[in-house]
Amino acid sequence: MRYKISITPRTLHFKQPAGTSRGVYNTRKSWFVEIEDSERPGCKGVGECAPLPDLSCDARPEYEKTLESICRMIELTGNVNYDMLRPYPSILFGIETAMTDLQNGGKGMLFDTPFTRGEEGITINGLVWMGSHDEMLARLESKMEAGFHCVKLKIGAIEFDSELDLIRHIRQAFTKEQIELRVDANGGFTFEDAPSRLEQLARYDIHSIEQPIRQHQWARMAQLCASSPIPIALDEELIGVNMPGMKKELLDTIRPQYIILKPSLHGGISGTREWIDMAHQRGIGSWITSALESNVGLNAVAQLAADVYGPNISMPQGLGTGMLFTDNIEMPLTIRGEKLWRV
């Protein structure tokens, strides 16, 4: 098999600044990989390579050169050594997506599921970005009005007491049966502060808290997971843990209640499946989210979630990022109420 591969960089612009405890994103750069094989001229598979600066383990200054070298090697050999791409999860994700798309006719349909066929939507959480108290409250109320029953709040940018006040406001108006609340600290708590903050949050029936302290503190995170009144979900902790043995060691050491998988960060399509299988064997829950990709990446992530957890996915997934950009790429994706549909 001989492949022809093209790489197109593109910068996307957020409709409003995307704030996390690590900083604010105003733009987002992705590299789009198109793969065509010699036996089917004109049939192309498309994938998105989208590392997040200061977060992805492969977001390095030489990223574009590395991507170029990998693509040229695939052209020369006619093969993809997926195992060799483990250190480059965002590149692996883009190439896996493009190859799977190509194998299925280049129509953007990666897996045959009710979601991909447009027969079933995927329930998603409403995402409320960091901001001032009033900004977050307005965003939250907008999500509720749109029909979301699961809301994820990014916290850590303003005073914790103000964030607690916002959460208190939600619980005064809605029970846990009406609104499932997830919070994402993005590693914003110190280990010393974390226990008392978790206790305070627990008063408001929080479903889970994502990455309460910064990653690479396995012993401390294990202590929190063992004692926290709120289930803890790992996200950033999984970044850079790409080999099977390392994954097992992390899960066995920390024993989280959940892991959250972003294919661009956590090993592409194959690596995400690997994490989920290992977690399931240990009684650890999981869900899949996008990582601020364009609709090309979101389409692949959503189809993967449908293939892994479907049909009739019960747990809301983190796939509500398709409306974030002013200049997104058109794909047959739409949000109706609290569900993402492929139309």
C-alpha atoms as a PDB file:
ATOM      1  CA  MET A   1       0.000   0.000   0.000  1.00  0.00           C
ATOM      2  CA  ARG A   2       1.264   3.467  -0.879  1.00  0.00           C
ATOM      3  CA  TYR A   3      -0.104   6.595   0.718  1.00  0.00           C
ATOM      4  CA  LYS A   4      -0.046  10.266  -0.139  1.00  0.00           C
ATOM      5  CA  ILE A   5      -0.327  12.487   2.916  1.00  0.00           C
ATOM      6  CA  SER A   6      -0.896  16.233   3.133  1.00  0.00           C
ATOM      7  CA  ILE A   7      -0.694  18.372   6.277  1.00  0.00           C
ATOM      8  CA  THR A   8      -2.621  21.627   6.664  1.00  0.00           C
ATOM      9  CA  PRO A   9      -2.160  23.854   9.739  1.00  0.00           C
ATOM     10  CA  ARG A  10      -5.070  26.000  10.829  1.00  0.00           C
ATOM     11  CA  THR A  11      -5.679  28.422  13.699  1.00  0.00           C
ATOM     12  CA  LEU A  12      -9.174  28.492  15.199  1.00  0.00           C
ATOM     13  CA  HIS A  13     -10.533  31.421  17.205  1.00  0.00           C
ATOM     14  CA  PHE A  14     -12.645  31.080  20.343  1.00  0.00           C
ATOM     15  CA  LYS A  15     -15.914  32.988  20.511  1.00  0.00           C
ATOM     16  CA  GLN A  16     -14.982  33.929  24.070  1.00  0.00           C
ATOM     17  CA  PRO A  17     -11.746  33.297  25.995  1.00  0.00           C
ATOM     18  CA  ALA A  18     -11.562  29.721  27.295  1.00  0.00           C
ATOM     19  CA  GLY A  19     -10.303  30.052  30.855  1.00  0.00           C
ATOM     20  CA  THR A  20      -8.732  27.298  32.937  1.00  0.00           C
ATOM     21  CA  SER A  21      -6.620  27.429  36.081  1.00  0.00           C
ATOM     22  CA  ARG A  22      -3.620  27.057  33.766  1.00  0.00           C
ATOM     23  CA  GLY A  23      -4.391  30.119  31.695  1.00  0.00           C
ATOM     24  CA  VAL A  24      -6.699  31.425  29.004  1.00  0.00           C
ATOM     25  CA  TYR A  25      -6.958  30.236  25.408  1.00  0.00           C
ATOM     26  CA  ASN A  26      -8.007  32.748  22.741  1.00  0.00           C
ATOM     27  CA  THR A  27      -6.907  30.716  19.728  1.00  0.00           C
ATOM     28  CA  ARG A  28      -6.334  27.044  18.992  1.00  0.00           C
ATOM     29  CA  LYS A  29      -3.917  25.597  16.427  1.00  0.00           C
ATOM     30  CA  SER A  30      -4.522  22.252  14.758  1.00  0.00           C
ATOM     31  CA  TRP A  31      -2.856  20.323  11.975  1.00  0.00           C
ATOM     32  CA  PHE A  32      -5.178  18.447   9.615  1.00  0.00           C
ATOM     33  CA  VAL A  33      -3.840  15.277   8.029  1.00  0.00           C
ATOM     34  CA  GLU A  34      -5.324  14.001   4.754  1.00  0.00           C
ATOM     35  CA  ILE A  35      -4.369  10.471   3.728  1.00  0.00           C
ATOM     36  CA  GLU A  36      -5.049   9.057   0.269  1.00  0.00           C
ATOM     37  CA  ASP A  37      -4.062   5.604  -0.942  1.00  0.00           C
ATOM     38  CA  SER A  38      -2.835   4.785  -4.432  1.00  0.00           C
ATOM     39  CA  GLU A  39      -5.544   2.199  -5.075  1.00  0.00           C
ATOM     40  CA  ARG A  40      -8.415   4.636  -4.518  1.00  0.00           C
ATOM     41  CA  PRO A  41      -7.512   8.040  -5.986  1.00  0.00           C
ATOM     42  CA  GLY A  42      -9.748  10.790  -4.680  1.00  0.00           C
ATOM     43  CA  CYS A  43     -10.779   8.865  -1.556  1.00  0.00           C
ATOM     44  CA  LYS A  44      -9.242  10.634   1.441  1.00  0.00           C
ATOM     45  CA  GLY A  45      -9.321  10.112   5.159  1.00  0.00           C
ATOM     46  CA  VAL A  46      -9.045  13.191   7.378  1.00  0.00           C
ATOM     47  CA  GLY A  47      -7.755  13.450  10.941  1.00  0.00           C
ATOM     48  CA  GLU A  48      -6.910  16.267  13.328  1.00  0.00           C
ATOM     49  CA  CYS A  49      -3.666  16.576  15.286  1.00  0.00           C
ATOM     50  CA  ALA A  50      -4.365  19.116  18.026  1.00  0.00           C
ATOM     51  CA  PRO A  51      -1.896  19.344  20.925  1.00  0.00           C
ATOM     52  CA  LEU A  52      -2.713  21.720  23.771  1.00  0.00           C
ATOM     53  CA  PRO A  53       0.176  24.077  24.687  1.00  0.00           C
ATOM     54  CA  ASP A  54       1.580  23.536  28.196  1.00  0.00           C
ATOM     55  CA  LEU A  55      -0.575  20.433  28.612  1.00  0.00           C
ATOM     56  CA  SER A  56      -0.049  17.807  25.882  1.00  0.00           C
ATOM     57  CA  CYS A  57       3.036  15.664  26.366  1.00  0.00           C
ATOM     58  CA  ASP A  58       3.857  16.071  22.661  1.00  0.00           C
ATOM     59  CA  ALA A  59       3.276  19.863  22.436  1.00  0.00           C
ATOM     60  CA  ARG A  60       6.899  20.727  21.685  1.00  0.00           C
ATOM     61  CA  PRO A  61       8.537  23.421  19.540  1.00  0.00           C
ATOM     62  CA  GLU A  62       9.453  20.810  16.916  1.00  0.00           C
ATOM     63  CA  TYR A  63       5.884  19.455  16.727  1.00  0.00           C
ATOM     64  CA  GLU A  64       5.303  20.301  13.069  1.00  0.00           C
ATOM     65  CA  LYS A  65       8.644  18.795  12.015  1.00  0.00           C
ATOM     66  CA  THR A  66       7.877  15.640  13.987  1.00  0.00           C
ATOM     67  CA  LEU A  67       4.466  15.337  12.351  1.00  0.00           C
ATOM     68  CA  GLU A  68       6.029  15.896   8.927  1.00  0.00           C
ATOM     69  CA  SER A  69       8.687  13.217   9.553  1.00  0.00           C
ATOM     70  CA  ILE A  70       6.106  10.675  10.712  1.00  0.00           C
ATOM     71  CA  CYS A  71       3.894  11.282   7.684  1.00  0.00           C
ATOM     72  CA  ARG A  72       6.830  11.009   5.269  1.00  0.00           C
ATOM     73  CA  MET A  73       7.849   7.713   6.903  1.00  0.00           C
ATOM     74  CA  ILE A  74       4.338   6.348   6.408  1.00  0.00           C
ATOM     75  CA  GLU A  75       4.505   7.370   2.744  1.00  0.00           C
ATOM     76  CA  LEU A  76       7.890   5.650   2.299  1.00  0.00           C
ATOM     77  CA  THR A  77       7.042   2.402   4.074  1.00  0.00           C
ATOM     78  CA  GLY A  78       3.330   2.111   3.395  1.00  0.00           C
ATOM     79  CA  ASN A  79       2.823   1.166   7.033  1.00  0.00           C
ATOM     80  CA  VAL A  80       1.846   2.846  10.296  1.00  0.00           C
ATOM     81  CA  ASN A  81       3.643   1.627  13.423  1.00  0.00           C
ATOM     82  CA  TYR A  82       1.021   2.713  15.926  1.00  0.00           C
ATOM     83  CA  ASP A  83       3.020   1.427  18.891  1.00  0.00           C
ATOM     84  CA  MET A  84       5.933   3.695  17.969  1.00  0.00           C
ATOM     85  CA  LEU A  85       3.560   6.676  18.045  1.00  0.00           C
ATOM     86  CA  ARG A  86       2.623   6.216  21.726  1.00  0.00           C
ATOM     87  CA  PRO A  87       4.839   9.181  22.801  1.00  0.00           C
ATOM     88  CA  TYR A  88       2.852  11.439  20.410  1.00  0.00           C
ATOM     89  CA  PRO A  89      -0.814  10.965  21.373  1.00  0.00           C
ATOM     90  CA  SER A  90      -2.211  13.904  19.409  1.00  0.00           C
ATOM     91  CA  ILE A  91      -0.365  12.781  16.274  1.00  0.00           C
ATOM     92  CA  LEU A  92      -1.472   9.194  16.869  1.00  0.00           C
ATOM     93  CA  PHE A  93      -5.079  10.341  17.235  1.00  0.00           C
ATOM     94  CA  GLY A  94      -4.982  12.321  13.994  1.00  0.00           C
ATOM     95  CA  ILE A  95      -3.405   9.515  11.981  1.00  0.00           C
ATOM     96  CA  GLU A  96      -5.675   6.836  13.470  1.00  0.00           C
ATOM     97  CA  THR A  97      -8.691   8.986  12.625  1.00  0.00           C
ATOM     98  CA  ALA A  98      -7.541   9.603   9.051  1.00  0.00           C
ATOM     99  CA  MET A  99      -6.676   5.941   8.464  1.00  0.00           C
ATOM    100  CA  THR A 100      -9.991   4.709   9.876  1.00  0.00           C
ATOM    101  CA  ASP A 101     -11.845   7.298   7.805  1.00  0.00           C
ATOM    102  CA  LEU A 102      -9.955   6.200   4.672  1.00  0.00           C
ATOM    103  CA  GLN A 103     -10.699   2.519   5.298  1.00  0.00           C
ATOM    104  CA  ASN A 104     -14.396   3.359   5.548  1.00  0.00           C
ATOM    105  CA  GLY A 105     -14.600   5.338   2.327  1.00  0.00           C
ATOM    106  CA  GLY A 106     -13.551   8.823   3.400  1.00  0.00           C
ATOM    107  CA  LYS A 107     -17.019   9.934   4.507  1.00  0.00           C
ATOM    108  CA  GLY A 108     -16.197  10.808   8.104  1.00  0.00           C
ATOM    109  CA  MET A 109     -17.920   7.658   9.375  1.00  0.00           C
ATOM    110  CA  LEU A 110     -15.417   5.828  11.552  1.00  0.00           C
ATOM    111  CA  PHE A 111     -17.548   3.277  13.403  1.00  0.00           C
ATOM    112  CA  ASP A 112     -20.933   1.773  12.585  1.00  0.00           C
ATOM    113  CA  THR A 113     -23.137   2.784  15.522  1.00  0.00           C
ATOM    114  CA  PRO A 114     -26.646   4.198  15.988  1.00  0.00           C
ATOM    115  CA  PHE A 115     -24.995   7.572  16.728  1.00  0.00           C
ATOM    116  CA  THR A 116     -22.961   7.534  13.508  1.00  0.00           C
ATOM    117  CA  ARG A 117     -26.079   6.593  11.514  1.00  0.00           C
ATOM    118  CA  GLY A 118     -27.986   9.514  13.046  1.00  0.00           C
ATOM    119  CA  GLU A 119     -30.419   7.246  14.897  1.00  0.00           C
ATOM    120  CA  GLU A 120     -29.325   8.138  18.430  1.00  0.00           C
ATOM    121  CA  GLY A 121     -27.859  11.152  20.224  1.00  0.00           C
ATOM    122  CA  ILE A 122     -25.203  11.149  22.936  1.00  0.00           C
ATOM    123  CA  THR A 123     -26.093  12.877  26.215  1.00  0.00           C
ATOM    124  CA  ILE A 124     -23.421  15.455  27.057  1.00  0.00           C
ATOM    125  CA  ASN A 125     -22.646  17.740  29.963  1.00  0.00           C
ATOM    126  CA  GLY A 126     -23.045  21.487  29.693  1.00  0.00           C
ATOM    127  CA  LEU A 127     -19.653  23.159  30.131  1.00  0.00           C
ATOM    128  CA  VAL A 128     -19.386  26.369  32.161  1.00  0.00           C
ATOM    129  CA  TRP A 129     -16.019  28.067  31.667  1.00  0.00           C
ATOM    130  CA  MET A 130     -14.161  29.977  34.334  1.00  0.00           C
ATOM    131  CA  GLY A 131     -14.959  33.635  34.703  1.00  0.00           C
ATOM    132  CA  SER A 132     -16.288  36.090  37.234  1.00  0.00           C
ATOM    133  CA  HIS A 133     -19.095  34.976  39.544  1.00  0.00           C
ATOM    134  CA  ASP A 134     -21.711  36.779  37.452  1.00  0.00           C
ATOM    135  CA  GLU A 135     -20.295  35.462  34.166  1.00  0.00           C
ATOM    136  CA  MET A 136     -20.314  31.879  35.389  1.00  0.00           C
ATOM    137  CA  LEU A 137     -23.824  32.263  36.793  1.00  0.00           C
ATOM    138  CA  ALA A 138     -25.107  33.599  33.461  1.00  0.00           C
ATOM    139  CA  ARG A 139     -23.414  30.752  31.559  1.00  0.00           C
ATOM    140  CA  LEU A 140     -24.828  28.225  33.987  1.00  0.00           C
ATOM    141  CA  GLU A 141     -28.366  29.539  33.672  1.00  0.00           C
ATOM    142  CA  SER A 142     -28.002  29.442  29.889  1.00  0.00           C
ATOM    143  CA  LYS A 143     -27.080  25.740  30.043  1.00  0.00           C
ATOM    144  CA  MET A 144     -30.037  24.996  32.285  1.00  0.00           C
ATOM    145  CA  GLU A 145     -32.396  26.830  29.958  1.00  0.00           C
ATOM    146  CA  ALA A 146     -31.012  24.777  27.061  1.00  0.00           C
ATOM    147  CA  GLY A 147     -32.123  21.610  28.830  1.00  0.00           C
ATOM    148  CA  PHE A 148     -28.910  20.226  30.295  1.00  0.00           C
ATOM    149  CA  HIS A 149     -29.267  17.901  33.283  1.00  0.00           C
ATOM    150  CA  CYS A 150     -25.511  17.506  33.798  1.00  0.00           C
ATOM    151  CA  VAL A 151     -23.321  20.593  34.176  1.00  0.00           C
ATOM    152  CA  LYS A 152     -19.553  20.777  34.523  1.00  0.00           C
ATOM    153  CA  LEU A 153     -18.078  23.826  36.239  1.00  0.00           C
ATOM    154  CA  LYS A 154     -14.449  24.769  35.754  1.00  0.00           C
ATOM    155  CA  ILE A 155     -13.266  26.206  39.061  1.00  0.00           C
ATOM    156  CA  GLY A 156     -10.041  27.692  40.390  1.00  0.00           C
ATOM    157  CA  ALA A 157      -9.959  31.065  38.649  1.00  0.00           C
ATOM    158  CA  ILE A 158     -11.783  33.141  41.253  1.00  0.00           C
ATOM    159  CA  GLU A 159     -12.022  33.026  45.042  1.00  0.00           C
ATOM    160  CA  PHE A 160     -13.109  29.606  46.260  1.00  0.00           C
ATOM    161  CA  ASP A 161     -15.799  31.160  48.481  1.00  0.00           C
ATOM    162  CA  SER A 162     -17.304  32.823  45.423  1.00  0.00           C
ATOM    163  CA  GLU A 163     -17.299  29.501  43.555  1.00  0.00           C
ATOM    164  CA  LEU A 164     -18.979  27.839  46.535  1.00  0.00           C
ATOM    165  CA  ASP A 165     -21.621  30.568  46.474  1.00  0.00           C
ATOM    166  CA  LEU A 166     -22.303  29.776  42.821  1.00  0.00           C
ATOM    167  CA  ILE A 167     -22.643  26.063  43.586  1.00  0.00           C
ATOM    168  CA  ARG A 168     -24.902  26.878  46.556  1.00  0.00           C
ATOM    169  CA  HIS A 169     -27.103  28.912  44.211  1.00  0.00           C
ATOM    170  CA  ILE A 170     -27.484  25.893  41.918  1.00  0.00           C
ATOM    171  CA  ARG A 171     -28.412  23.537  44.732  1.00  0.00           C
ATOM    172  CA  GLN A 172     -30.947  25.968  46.165  1.00  0.00           C
ATOM    173  CA  ALA A 173     -32.768  25.846  42.856  1.00  0.00           C
ATOM    174  CA  PHE A 174     -32.117  22.278  41.689  1.00  0.00           C
ATOM    175  CA  THR A 175     -31.733  18.928  43.444  1.00  0.00           C
ATOM    176  CA  LYS A 176     -29.062  16.410  42.477  1.00  0.00           C
ATOM    177  CA  GLU A 177     -31.784  14.467  40.647  1.00  0.00           C
ATOM    178  CA  GLN A 178     -32.550  17.546  38.548  1.00  0.00           C
ATOM    179  CA  ILE A 179     -28.964  18.693  37.900  1.00  0.00           C
ATOM    180  CA  GLU A 180     -25.853  16.516  38.111  1.00  0.00           C
ATOM    181  CA  LEU A 181     -22.936  18.742  39.071  1.00  0.00           C
ATOM    182  CA  ARG A 182     -19.368  17.971  38.062  1.00  0.00           C
ATOM    183  CA  VAL A 183     -16.492  20.288  38.937  1.00  0.00           C
ATOM    184  CA  ASP A 184     -13.057  20.493  37.341  1.00  0.00           C
ATOM    185  CA  ALA A 185     -10.275  22.010  39.424  1.00  0.00           C
ATOM    186  CA  ASN A 186      -7.610  21.498  36.724  1.00  0.00           C
ATOM    187  CA  GLY A 187      -5.101  20.807  39.527  1.00  0.00           C
ATOM    188  CA  GLY A 188      -5.880  24.156  41.141  1.00  0.00           C
ATOM    189  CA  PHE A 189      -5.974  23.034  44.807  1.00  0.00           C
ATOM    190  CA  THR A 190      -2.917  22.549  46.986  1.00  0.00           C
ATOM    191  CA  PHE A 191      -2.674  19.218  48.765  1.00  0.00           C
ATOM    192  CA  GLU A 192      -2.994  21.023  52.087  1.00  0.00           C
ATOM    193  CA  ASP A 193      -6.183  22.855  51.072  1.00  0.00           C
ATOM    194  CA  ALA A 194      -7.779  19.988  49.179  1.00  0.00           C
ATOM    195  CA  PRO A 195      -9.351  18.011  52.093  1.00  0.00           C
ATOM    196  CA  SER A 196     -11.246  20.996  53.531  1.00  0.00           C
ATOM    197  CA  ARG A 197     -12.360  22.155  50.081  1.00  0.00           C
ATOM    198  CA  LEU A 198     -13.594  18.682  49.207  1.00  0.00           C
ATOM    199  CA  GLU A 199     -15.561  18.608  52.477  1.00  0.00           C
ATOM    200  CA  GLN A 200     -17.165  21.957  51.682  1.00  0.00           C
ATOM    201  CA  LEU A 201     -18.047  20.902  48.137  1.00  0.00           C
ATOM    202  CA  ALA A 202     -19.518  17.622  49.366  1.00  0.00           C
ATOM    203  CA  ARG A 203     -22.375  19.526  51.053  1.00  0.00           C
ATOM    204  CA  TYR A 204     -23.800  20.246  47.609  1.00  0.00           C
ATOM    205  CA  ASP A 205     -24.100  16.712  46.182  1.00  0.00           C
ATOM    206  CA  ILE A 206     -21.248  16.959  43.694  1.00  0.00           C
ATOM    207  CA  HIS A 207     -21.059  14.011  41.284  1.00  0.00           C
ATOM    208  CA  SER A 208     -17.258  14.155  40.963  1.00  0.00           C
ATOM    209  CA  ILE A 209     -14.278  16.464  41.020  1.00  0.00           C
ATOM    210  CA  GLU A 210     -11.711  16.372  38.263  1.00  0.00           C
ATOM    211  CA  GLN A 211      -8.012  16.578  39.089  1.00  0.00           C
ATOM    212  CA  PRO A 212      -8.165  18.437  42.455  1.00  0.00           C
ATOM    213  CA  ILE A 213      -4.363  18.748  42.761  1.00  0.00           C
ATOM    214  CA  ARG A 214      -1.624  18.928  40.149  1.00  0.00           C
ATOM    215  CA  GLN A 215      -0.490  15.717  38.530  1.00  0.00           C
ATOM    216  CA  HIS A 216       2.676  13.723  39.345  1.00  0.00           C
ATOM    217  CA  GLN A 217       1.813  13.455  43.052  1.00  0.00           C
ATOM    218  CA  TRP A 218       0.683   9.848  43.037  1.00  0.00           C
ATOM    219  CA  ALA A 219       0.973   9.200  46.787  1.00  0.00           C
ATOM    220  CA  ARG A 220      -0.923  12.373  47.656  1.00  0.00           C
ATOM    221  CA  MET A 221      -3.568  11.769  45.020  1.00  0.00           C
ATOM    222  CA  ALA A 222      -3.995   8.220  46.319  1.00  0.00           C
ATOM    223  CA  GLN A 223      -4.597   9.630  49.823  1.00  0.00           C
ATOM    224  CA  LEU A 224      -7.259  11.988  48.494  1.00  0.00           C
ATOM    225  CA  CYS A 225      -8.978   9.265  46.454  1.00  0.00           C
ATOM    226  CA  ALA A 226      -9.118   7.033  49.527  1.00  0.00           C
ATOM    227  CA  SER A 227     -10.565   9.685  51.839  1.00  0.00           C
ATOM    228  CA  SER A 228     -12.475  12.177  49.683  1.00  0.00           C
ATOM    229  CA  PRO A 229     -16.227  12.533  50.298  1.00  0.00           C
ATOM    230  CA  ILE A 230     -16.529  13.309  46.572  1.00  0.00           C
ATOM    231  CA  PRO A 231     -15.506  10.804  43.864  1.00  0.00           C
ATOM    232  CA  ILE A 232     -12.269  11.903  42.194  1.00  0.00           C
ATOM    233  CA  ALA A 233     -11.708  11.725  38.437  1.00  0.00           C
ATOM    234  CA  LEU A 234      -8.234  11.830  36.911  1.00  0.00           C
ATOM    235  CA  ASP A 235      -7.520  13.749  33.728  1.00  0.00           C
ATOM    236  CA  GLU A 236      -4.165  15.565  33.559  1.00  0.00           C
ATOM    237  CA  GLU A 237      -2.706  12.761  35.695  1.00  0.00           C
ATOM    238  CA  LEU A 238      -2.966  10.439  32.694  1.00  0.00           C
ATOM    239  CA  ILE A 239      -0.989  12.676  30.336  1.00  0.00           C
ATOM    240  CA  GLY A 240       2.350  11.204  29.310  1.00  0.00           C
ATOM    241  CA  VAL A 241       1.471   7.802  30.803  1.00  0.00           C
ATOM    242  CA  ASN A 242       1.507   6.015  27.481  1.00  0.00           C
ATOM    243  CA  MET A 243       2.871   2.498  28.062  1.00  0.00           C
ATOM    244  CA  PRO A 244       0.601  -0.324  29.324  1.00  0.00           C
ATOM    245  CA  GLY A 245       2.770  -1.077  32.353  1.00  0.00           C
ATOM    246  CA  MET A 246       2.757   2.577  33.425  1.00  0.00           C
ATOM    247  CA  LYS A 247      -1.017   2.757  33.047  1.00  0.00           C
ATOM    248  CA  LYS A 248      -1.529  -0.279  35.263  1.00  0.00           C
ATOM    249  CA  GLU A 249       0.849   1.100  37.876  1.00  0.00           C
ATOM    250  CA  LEU A 250      -0.936   4.458  37.985  1.00  0.00           C
ATOM    251  CA  LEU A 251      -4.385   2.906  38.345  1.00  0.00           C
ATOM    252  CA  ASP A 252      -3.219   0.408  40.972  1.00  0.00           C
ATOM    253  CA  THR A 253      -1.391   3.086  42.964  1.00  0.00           C
ATOM    254  CA  ILE A 254      -3.943   5.917  42.944  1.00  0.00           C
ATOM    255  CA  ARG A 255      -7.186   3.902  42.664  1.00  0.00           C
ATOM    256  CA  PRO A 256      -9.358   6.801  41.453  1.00  0.00           C
ATOM    257  CA  GLN A 257     -13.130   6.545  41.225  1.00  0.00           C
ATOM    258  CA  TYR A 258     -13.117   7.705  37.586  1.00  0.00           C
ATOM    259  CA  ILE A 259     -10.770   8.482  34.724  1.00  0.00           C
ATOM    260  CA  ILE A 260     -11.609  10.964  31.981  1.00  0.00           C
ATOM    261  CA  LEU A 261     -10.230  10.232  28.531  1.00  0.00           C
ATOM    262  CA  LYS A 262      -9.291  12.798  25.912  1.00  0.00           C
ATOM    263  CA  PRO A 263      -7.942  10.873  22.905  1.00  0.00           C
ATOM    264  CA  SER A 264      -5.708  13.773  21.790  1.00  0.00           C
ATOM    265  CA  LEU A 265      -4.028  13.724  25.212  1.00  0.00           C
ATOM    266  CA  HIS A 266      -4.357  10.151  26.369  1.00  0.00           C
ATOM    267  CA  GLY A 267      -3.142   7.908  23.592  1.00  0.00           C
ATOM    268  CA  GLY A 268      -5.347   8.374  20.578  1.00  0.00           C
ATOM    269  CA  ILE A 269      -8.150   5.950  19.761  1.00  0.00           C
ATOM    270  CA  SER A 270      -6.199   2.804  20.678  1.00  0.00           C
ATOM    271  CA  GLY A 271      -4.729   4.275  23.865  1.00  0.00           C
ATOM    272  CA  THR A 272      -8.139   5.469  25.025  1.00  0.00           C
ATOM    273  CA  ARG A 273      -9.590   1.993  24.558  1.00  0.00           C
ATOM    274  CA  GLU A 274      -6.642   0.582  26.501  1.00  0.00           C
ATOM    275  CA  TRP A 275      -7.230   2.965  29.438  1.00  0.00           C
ATOM    276  CA  ILE A 276     -10.953   2.148  29.514  1.00  0.00           C
ATOM    277  CA  ASP A 277     -10.360  -1.610  29.465  1.00  0.00           C
ATOM    278  CA  MET A 278      -7.813  -1.401  32.295  1.00  0.00           C
ATOM    279  CA  ALA A 279     -10.087   0.838  34.359  1.00  0.00           C
ATOM    280  CA  HIS A 280     -13.066  -1.461  33.842  1.00  0.00           C
ATOM    281  CA  GLN A 281     -11.033  -4.443  35.057  1.00  0.00           C
ATOM    282  CA  ARG A 282     -10.413  -2.522  38.300  1.00  0.00           C
ATOM    283  CA  GLY A 283     -13.952  -1.291  38.832  1.00  0.00           C
ATOM    284  CA  ILE A 284     -13.021   2.286  37.889  1.00  0.00           C
ATOM    285  CA  GLY A 285     -15.548   4.309  35.913  1.00  0.00           C
ATOM    286  CA  SER A 286     -14.751   6.453  32.888  1.00  0.00           C
ATOM    287  CA  TRP A 287     -16.110   8.815  30.297  1.00  0.00           C
ATOM    288  CA  ILE A 288     -14.723  10.483  27.174  1.00  0.00           C
ATOM    289  CA  THR A 289     -14.354  14.176  26.416  1.00  0.00           C
ATOM    290  CA  SER A 290     -13.009  16.273  23.599  1.00  0.00           C
ATOM    291  CA  ALA A 291      -9.938  18.460  24.096  1.00  0.00           C
ATOM    292  CA  LEU A 292     -10.932  21.671  22.295  1.00  0.00           C
ATOM    293  CA  GLU A 293     -10.476  20.142  18.849  1.00  0.00           C
ATOM    294  CA  SER A 294     -12.343  21.425  15.825  1.00  0.00           C
ATOM    295  CA  ASN A 295     -15.418  19.546  14.628  1.00  0.00           C
ATOM    296  CA  VAL A 296     -13.125  17.119  12.779  1.00  0.00           C
ATOM    297  CA  GLY A 297     -11.638  15.907  16.050  1.00  0.00           C
ATOM    298  CA  LEU A 298     -14.967  16.152  17.867  1.00  0.00           C
ATOM    299  CA  ASN A 299     -16.599  13.949  15.242  1.00  0.00           C
ATOM    300  CA  ALA A 300     -13.964  11.268  15.840  1.00  0.00           C
ATOM    301  CA  VAL A 301     -14.127  11.532  19.645  1.00  0.00           C
ATOM    302  CA  ALA A 302     -17.922  11.323  19.669  1.00  0.00           C
ATOM    303  CA  GLN A 303     -17.954   8.294  17.381  1.00  0.00           C
ATOM    304  CA  LEU A 304     -15.362   6.606  19.593  1.00  0.00           C
ATOM    305  CA  ALA A 305     -17.516   7.249  22.679  1.00  0.00           C
ATOM    306  CA  ALA A 306     -20.528   5.777  20.893  1.00  0.00           C
ATOM    307  CA  ASP A 307     -18.523   2.717  19.882  1.00  0.00           C
ATOM    308  CA  VAL A 308     -17.027   2.158  23.343  1.00  0.00           C
ATOM    309  CA  TYR A 309     -20.063   2.864  25.562  1.00  0.00           C
ATOM    310  CA  GLY A 310     -23.078   2.618  23.295  1.00  0.00           C
ATOM    311  CA  PRO A 311     -25.755   2.118  22.351  1.00  0.00           C
ATOM    312  CA  ASN A 312     -27.864   4.194  24.749  1.00  0.00           C
ATOM    313  CA  ILE A 313     -24.957   5.735  26.651  1.00  0.00           C
ATOM    314  CA  SER A 314     -26.132   6.371  30.202  1.00  0.00           C
ATOM    315  CA  MET A 315     -23.310   8.594  31.485  1.00  0.00           C
ATOM    316  CA  PRO A 316     -23.088  12.124  30.012  1.00  0.00           C
ATOM    317  CA  GLN A 317     -19.941  12.598  27.940  1.00  0.00           C
ATOM    318  CA  GLY A 318     -17.864  15.776  27.558  1.00  0.00           C
ATOM    319  CA  LEU A 319     -18.594  16.524  23.916  1.00  0.00           C
ATOM    320  CA  GLY A 320     -20.138  19.992  23.972  1.00  0.00           C
ATOM    321  CA  THR A 321     -17.220  21.889  22.417  1.00  0.00           C
ATOM    322  CA  GLY A 322     -18.457  22.151  18.827  1.00  0.00           C
ATOM    323  CA  MET A 323     -19.848  25.670  19.260  1.00  0.00           C
ATOM    324  CA  LEU A 324     -16.740  27.231  20.815  1.00  0.00           C
ATOM    325  CA  PHE A 325     -15.101  28.634  17.682  1.00  0.00           C
ATOM    326  CA  THR A 326     -16.039  31.437  15.321  1.00  0.00           C
ATOM    327  CA  ASP A 327     -14.411  29.620  12.400  1.00  0.00           C
ATOM    328  CA  ASN A 328     -15.004  25.929  13.059  1.00  0.00           C
ATOM    329  CA  ILE A 329     -14.972  23.355  10.267  1.00  0.00           C
ATOM    330  CA  GLU A 330     -18.352  22.209   9.025  1.00  0.00           C
ATOM    331  CA  MET A 331     -19.263  18.667  10.047  1.00  0.00           C
ATOM    332  CA  PRO A 332     -22.640  16.922  10.368  1.00  0.00           C
ATOM    333  CA  LEU A 333     -22.820  17.532  14.117  1.00  0.00           C
ATOM    334  CA  THR A 334     -25.467  19.408  16.048  1.00  0.00           C
ATOM    335  CA  ILE A 335     -26.588  19.810  19.654  1.00  0.00           C
ATOM    336  CA  ARG A 336     -30.283  19.422  20.404  1.00  0.00           C
ATOM    337  CA  GLY A 337     -31.108  20.022  24.036  1.00  0.00           C
ATOM    338  CA  GLU A 338     -28.532  18.049  26.015  1.00  0.00           C
ATOM    339  CA  LYS A 339     -27.625  15.613  23.236  1.00  0.00           C
ATOM    340  CA  LEU A 340     -25.031  15.652  20.469  1.00  0.00           C
ATOM    341  CA  TRP A 341     -26.326  14.276  17.196  1.00  0.00           C
ATOM    342  CA  ARG A 342     -24.713  13.332  13.909  1.00  0.00           C
ATOM    343  CA  VAL A 343     -27.095  14.395  11.137  1.00  0.00           C
END
